Amino acid sequence: MKLEVTRMSDLAIRALLALDRQDERLKSGELAERLDATPAFMAQVMVPLVHRGWVESAPGPTGGYELIADLRRISVLQVIETVEGPTDTGRCVVVDGPCGNDGFCALHEAWSAARDLLARHLASTPLSEVAADLSIESGERGADDG
């Protein structure tokens, strides 16, 4: 598990939050502009959210994206794993050799503990709780973020 949130995961989280604030479908181009992304990259981000059943995508002039899931029931970890794949790959930090059947690397215990703590926290944090920390309209993080 990487201890970072990729641009794709960040956009997926912010897209779900932006759609939650909409009363009607949001066009792909408008969503991309709000989140400071290209329309092509935004489309890549949205595909797994549509496949997961959280977002509905409608083509045509009246189409766009519409949130059809309850953000209180979607955790941050679920979003990350939906767009990035499983976070617990079984891989560890390789310091003095790979972890495996023959033993563990020097940081195995610390890495495992950190990974597990982060995963538990992200799994227990619904997207509805992070909405206040993000400014969706400007595409920027909240003023208190570095």
C-alpha atoms as a PDB file:
ATOM      1  CA  MET A   1       0.000   0.000   0.000  1.00  0.00           C
ATOM      2  CA  LYS A   2       1.298   3.392  -0.942  1.00  0.00           C
ATOM      3  CA  LEU A   3       0.951   5.890   1.851  1.00  0.00           C
ATOM      4  CA  GLU A   4      -0.291   8.590  -0.497  1.00  0.00           C
ATOM      5  CA  VAL A   5      -3.435   9.519  -2.358  1.00  0.00           C
ATOM      6  CA  THR A   6      -2.910   9.638  -6.115  1.00  0.00           C
ATOM      7  CA  ARG A   7      -4.326  12.341  -8.368  1.00  0.00           C
ATOM      8  CA  MET A   8      -6.854   9.826  -9.677  1.00  0.00           C
ATOM      9  CA  SER A   9      -8.130   8.950  -6.186  1.00  0.00           C
ATOM     10  CA  ASP A  10      -8.225  12.617  -5.212  1.00  0.00           C
ATOM     11  CA  LEU A  11     -10.303  13.452  -8.298  1.00  0.00           C
ATOM     12  CA  ALA A  12     -12.636  10.514  -7.690  1.00  0.00           C
ATOM     13  CA  ILE A  13     -13.302  11.653  -4.119  1.00  0.00           C
ATOM     14  CA  ARG A  14     -13.810  15.274  -5.159  1.00  0.00           C
ATOM     15  CA  ALA A  15     -16.022  14.249  -8.107  1.00  0.00           C
ATOM     16  CA  LEU A  16     -18.327  12.280  -5.821  1.00  0.00           C
ATOM     17  CA  LEU A  17     -18.500  15.236  -3.447  1.00  0.00           C
ATOM     18  CA  ALA A  18     -19.204  17.657  -6.302  1.00  0.00           C
ATOM     19  CA  LEU A  19     -21.967  15.443  -7.667  1.00  0.00           C
ATOM     20  CA  ASP A  20     -23.488  15.202  -4.201  1.00  0.00           C
ATOM     21  CA  ARG A  21     -23.954  18.972  -4.236  1.00  0.00           C
ATOM     22  CA  GLN A  22     -25.805  18.919  -7.575  1.00  0.00           C
ATOM     23  CA  ASP A  23     -29.557  18.729  -8.042  1.00  0.00           C
ATOM     24  CA  GLU A  24     -29.172  17.716 -11.688  1.00  0.00           C
ATOM     25  CA  ARG A  25     -26.702  15.926 -13.941  1.00  0.00           C
ATOM     26  CA  LEU A  26     -23.325  17.538 -14.343  1.00  0.00           C
ATOM     27  CA  LYS A  27     -21.700  17.561 -17.771  1.00  0.00           C
ATOM     28  CA  SER A  28     -18.300  15.908 -18.050  1.00  0.00           C
ATOM     29  CA  GLY A  29     -16.594  19.100 -19.223  1.00  0.00           C
ATOM     30  CA  GLU A  30     -18.071  21.151 -16.397  1.00  0.00           C
ATOM     31  CA  LEU A  31     -17.043  18.564 -13.819  1.00  0.00           C
ATOM     32  CA  ALA A  32     -13.504  18.511 -15.232  1.00  0.00           C
ATOM     33  CA  GLU A  33     -13.326  22.313 -15.147  1.00  0.00           C
ATOM     34  CA  ARG A  34     -14.558  22.483 -11.536  1.00  0.00           C
ATOM     35  CA  LEU A  35     -11.962  19.943 -10.451  1.00  0.00           C
ATOM     36  CA  ASP A  36      -9.121  21.390 -12.537  1.00  0.00           C
ATOM     37  CA  ALA A  37      -8.707  18.282 -14.672  1.00  0.00           C
ATOM     38  CA  THR A  38      -8.775  17.543 -18.366  1.00  0.00           C
ATOM     39  CA  PRO A  39     -12.016  16.088 -19.714  1.00  0.00           C
ATOM     40  CA  ALA A  40     -10.160  12.973 -20.914  1.00  0.00           C
ATOM     41  CA  PHE A  41      -8.614  12.279 -17.503  1.00  0.00           C
ATOM     42  CA  MET A  42     -11.913  13.025 -15.769  1.00  0.00           C
ATOM     43  CA  ALA A  43     -13.575  10.397 -17.969  1.00  0.00           C
ATOM     44  CA  GLN A  44     -10.956   7.839 -16.871  1.00  0.00           C
ATOM     45  CA  VAL A  45     -11.663   8.700 -13.235  1.00  0.00           C
ATOM     46  CA  MET A  46     -15.419   8.365 -13.654  1.00  0.00           C
ATOM     47  CA  VAL A  47     -15.474   4.937 -15.359  1.00  0.00           C
ATOM     48  CA  PRO A  48     -14.811   2.906 -12.179  1.00  0.00           C
ATOM     49  CA  LEU A  49     -17.306   5.021 -10.205  1.00  0.00           C
ATOM     50  CA  VAL A  50     -19.981   4.269 -12.803  1.00  0.00           C
ATOM     51  CA  HIS A  51     -19.063   0.566 -12.854  1.00  0.00           C
ATOM     52  CA  ARG A  52     -19.264   0.441  -9.053  1.00  0.00           C
ATOM     53  CA  GLY A  53     -22.822   1.762  -9.246  1.00  0.00           C
ATOM     54  CA  TRP A  54     -22.199   5.003  -7.394  1.00  0.00           C
ATOM     55  CA  VAL A  55     -22.603   7.298 -10.399  1.00  0.00           C
ATOM     56  CA  GLU A  56     -24.925   7.155 -13.373  1.00  0.00           C
ATOM     57  CA  SER A  57     -23.662   8.376 -16.717  1.00  0.00           C
ATOM     58  CA  ALA A  58     -26.140   9.512 -19.340  1.00  0.00           C
ATOM     59  CA  PRO A  59     -25.026  10.368 -22.885  1.00  0.00           C
ATOM     60  CA  GLY A  60     -26.387  13.107 -25.100  1.00  0.00           C
ATOM     61  CA  PRO A  61     -27.160  16.806 -24.842  1.00  0.00           C
ATOM     62  CA  THR A  62     -29.118  16.429 -21.611  1.00  0.00           C
ATOM     63  CA  GLY A  63     -26.722  13.841 -20.232  1.00  0.00           C
ATOM     64  CA  GLY A  64     -23.923  13.982 -17.740  1.00  0.00           C
ATOM     65  CA  TYR A  65     -23.015  12.416 -14.427  1.00  0.00           C
ATOM     66  CA  GLU A  66     -25.383  11.962 -11.517  1.00  0.00           C
ATOM     67  CA  LEU A  67     -24.629  10.574  -8.062  1.00  0.00           C
ATOM     68  CA  ILE A  68     -26.924   7.662  -7.224  1.00  0.00           C
ATOM     69  CA  ALA A  69     -25.252   6.488  -4.015  1.00  0.00           C
ATOM     70  CA  ASP A  70     -25.335   7.748  -0.436  1.00  0.00           C
ATOM     71  CA  LEU A  71     -21.944   9.219   0.519  1.00  0.00           C
ATOM     72  CA  ARG A  72     -22.541   8.189   4.121  1.00  0.00           C
ATOM     73  CA  ARG A  73     -22.245   4.579   2.931  1.00  0.00           C
ATOM     74  CA  ILE A  74     -19.053   4.994   0.883  1.00  0.00           C
ATOM     75  CA  SER A  75     -15.714   5.057   2.686  1.00  0.00           C
ATOM     76  CA  VAL A  76     -12.613   6.850   1.503  1.00  0.00           C
ATOM     77  CA  LEU A  77     -10.870   3.467   1.273  1.00  0.00           C
ATOM     78  CA  GLN A  78     -13.630   2.099  -0.964  1.00  0.00           C
ATOM     79  CA  VAL A  79     -13.136   4.973  -3.401  1.00  0.00           C
ATOM     80  CA  ILE A  80      -9.351   4.570  -3.422  1.00  0.00           C
ATOM     81  CA  GLU A  81      -9.593   0.829  -4.017  1.00  0.00           C
ATOM     82  CA  THR A  82     -12.260   1.315  -6.685  1.00  0.00           C
ATOM     83  CA  VAL A  83      -9.997   3.534  -8.795  1.00  0.00           C
ATOM     84  CA  GLU A  84      -6.573   2.159  -7.819  1.00  0.00           C
ATOM     85  CA  GLY A  85      -7.219  -1.491  -7.019  1.00  0.00           C
ATOM     86  CA  PRO A  86      -6.492  -3.308  -3.745  1.00  0.00           C
ATOM     87  CA  THR A  87      -4.324  -1.382  -1.318  1.00  0.00           C
ATOM     88  CA  ASP A  88      -3.027  -4.374   0.603  1.00  0.00           C
ATOM     89  CA  THR A  89      -0.891  -6.048  -2.017  1.00  0.00           C
ATOM     90  CA  GLY A  90       1.128  -8.038   0.497  1.00  0.00           C
ATOM     91  CA  ARG A  91       4.214  -6.106  -0.508  1.00  0.00           C
ATOM     92  CA  CYS A  92       6.366  -4.483   2.095  1.00  0.00           C
ATOM     93  CA  VAL A  93       9.211  -2.016   2.238  1.00  0.00           C
ATOM     94  CA  VAL A  94      12.283  -3.743   0.876  1.00  0.00           C
ATOM     95  CA  VAL A  95      15.241  -2.709   2.997  1.00  0.00           C
ATOM     96  CA  ASP A  96      17.427  -5.763   3.435  1.00  0.00           C
ATOM     97  CA  GLY A  97      15.684  -8.097   1.030  1.00  0.00           C
ATOM     98  CA  PRO A  98      12.128  -8.900   0.074  1.00  0.00           C
ATOM     99  CA  CYS A  99       9.594 -10.058   2.601  1.00  0.00           C
ATOM    100  CA  GLY A 100       8.297 -13.526   2.010  1.00  0.00           C
ATOM    101  CA  ASN A 101       8.353 -17.084   3.197  1.00  0.00           C
ATOM    102  CA  ASP A 102      12.014 -16.881   4.194  1.00  0.00           C
ATOM    103  CA  GLY A 103      11.677 -13.875   6.505  1.00  0.00           C
ATOM    104  CA  PHE A 104      10.788 -10.225   6.703  1.00  0.00           C
ATOM    105  CA  CYS A 105      12.527  -6.966   5.821  1.00  0.00           C
ATOM    106  CA  ALA A 106      13.855  -4.721   8.585  1.00  0.00           C
ATOM    107  CA  LEU A 107      10.796  -2.429   8.465  1.00  0.00           C
ATOM    108  CA  HIS A 108       8.133  -5.102   8.122  1.00  0.00           C
ATOM    109  CA  GLU A 109       6.514  -4.619  11.547  1.00  0.00           C
ATOM    110  CA  ALA A 110       6.491  -0.817  11.368  1.00  0.00           C
ATOM    111  CA  TRP A 111       5.242  -0.802   7.768  1.00  0.00           C
ATOM    112  CA  SER A 112       2.510  -3.328   8.474  1.00  0.00           C
ATOM    113  CA  ALA A 113       1.313  -1.401  11.526  1.00  0.00           C
ATOM    114  CA  ALA A 114       1.251   1.902   9.631  1.00  0.00           C
ATOM    115  CA  ARG A 115      -0.520   0.369   6.640  1.00  0.00           C
ATOM    116  CA  ASP A 116      -3.131  -1.310   8.836  1.00  0.00           C
ATOM    117  CA  LEU A 117      -3.793   1.863  10.841  1.00  0.00           C
ATOM    118  CA  LEU A 118      -4.194   3.954   7.688  1.00  0.00           C
ATOM    119  CA  ALA A 119      -6.445   1.387   6.020  1.00  0.00           C
ATOM    120  CA  ARG A 120      -8.678   1.128   9.114  1.00  0.00           C
ATOM    121  CA  HIS A 121      -8.972   4.908   9.345  1.00  0.00           C
ATOM    122  CA  LEU A 122      -9.801   5.316   5.648  1.00  0.00           C
ATOM    123  CA  ALA A 123     -12.287   2.436   5.819  1.00  0.00           C
ATOM    124  CA  SER A 124     -14.081   4.044   8.769  1.00  0.00           C
ATOM    125  CA  THR A 125     -14.252   7.515   7.195  1.00  0.00           C
ATOM    126  CA  PRO A 126     -17.343   8.048   5.057  1.00  0.00           C
ATOM    127  CA  LEU A 127     -17.099  10.539   2.207  1.00  0.00           C
ATOM    128  CA  SER A 128     -19.839  12.579   3.822  1.00  0.00           C
ATOM    129  CA  GLU A 129     -17.363  13.467   6.597  1.00  0.00           C
ATOM    130  CA  VAL A 130     -14.664  14.805   4.279  1.00  0.00           C
ATOM    131  CA  ALA A 131     -16.966  17.182   2.396  1.00  0.00           C
ATOM    132  CA  ALA A 132     -16.290  20.060   4.784  1.00  0.00           C
ATOM    133  CA  ASP A 133     -12.523  19.795   4.216  1.00  0.00           C
ATOM    134  CA  LEU A 134     -12.656  20.285   0.443  1.00  0.00           C
ATOM    135  CA  SER A 135     -13.663  23.263  -1.635  1.00  0.00           C
ATOM    136  CA  ILE A 136     -15.225  21.695  -4.718  1.00  0.00           C
ATOM    137  CA  GLU A 137     -16.205  24.874  -6.522  1.00  0.00           C
ATOM    138  CA  SER A 138     -12.661  26.209  -6.835  1.00  0.00           C
ATOM    139  CA  GLY A 139     -10.940  22.864  -7.353  1.00  0.00           C
ATOM    140  CA  GLU A 140      -8.634  23.725  -4.462  1.00  0.00           C
ATOM    141  CA  ARG A 141      -8.174  22.175  -1.063  1.00  0.00           C
ATOM    142  CA  GLY A 142      -9.530  24.032   1.942  1.00  0.00           C
ATOM    143  CA  ALA A 143      -7.668  27.124   3.140  1.00  0.00           C
ATOM    144  CA  ASP A 144      -6.226  25.296   6.143  1.00  0.00           C
ATOM    145  CA  ASP A 145      -4.547  22.619   4.004  1.00  0.00           C
ATOM    146  CA  GLY A 146      -0.874  22.969   3.084  1.00  0.00           C
END
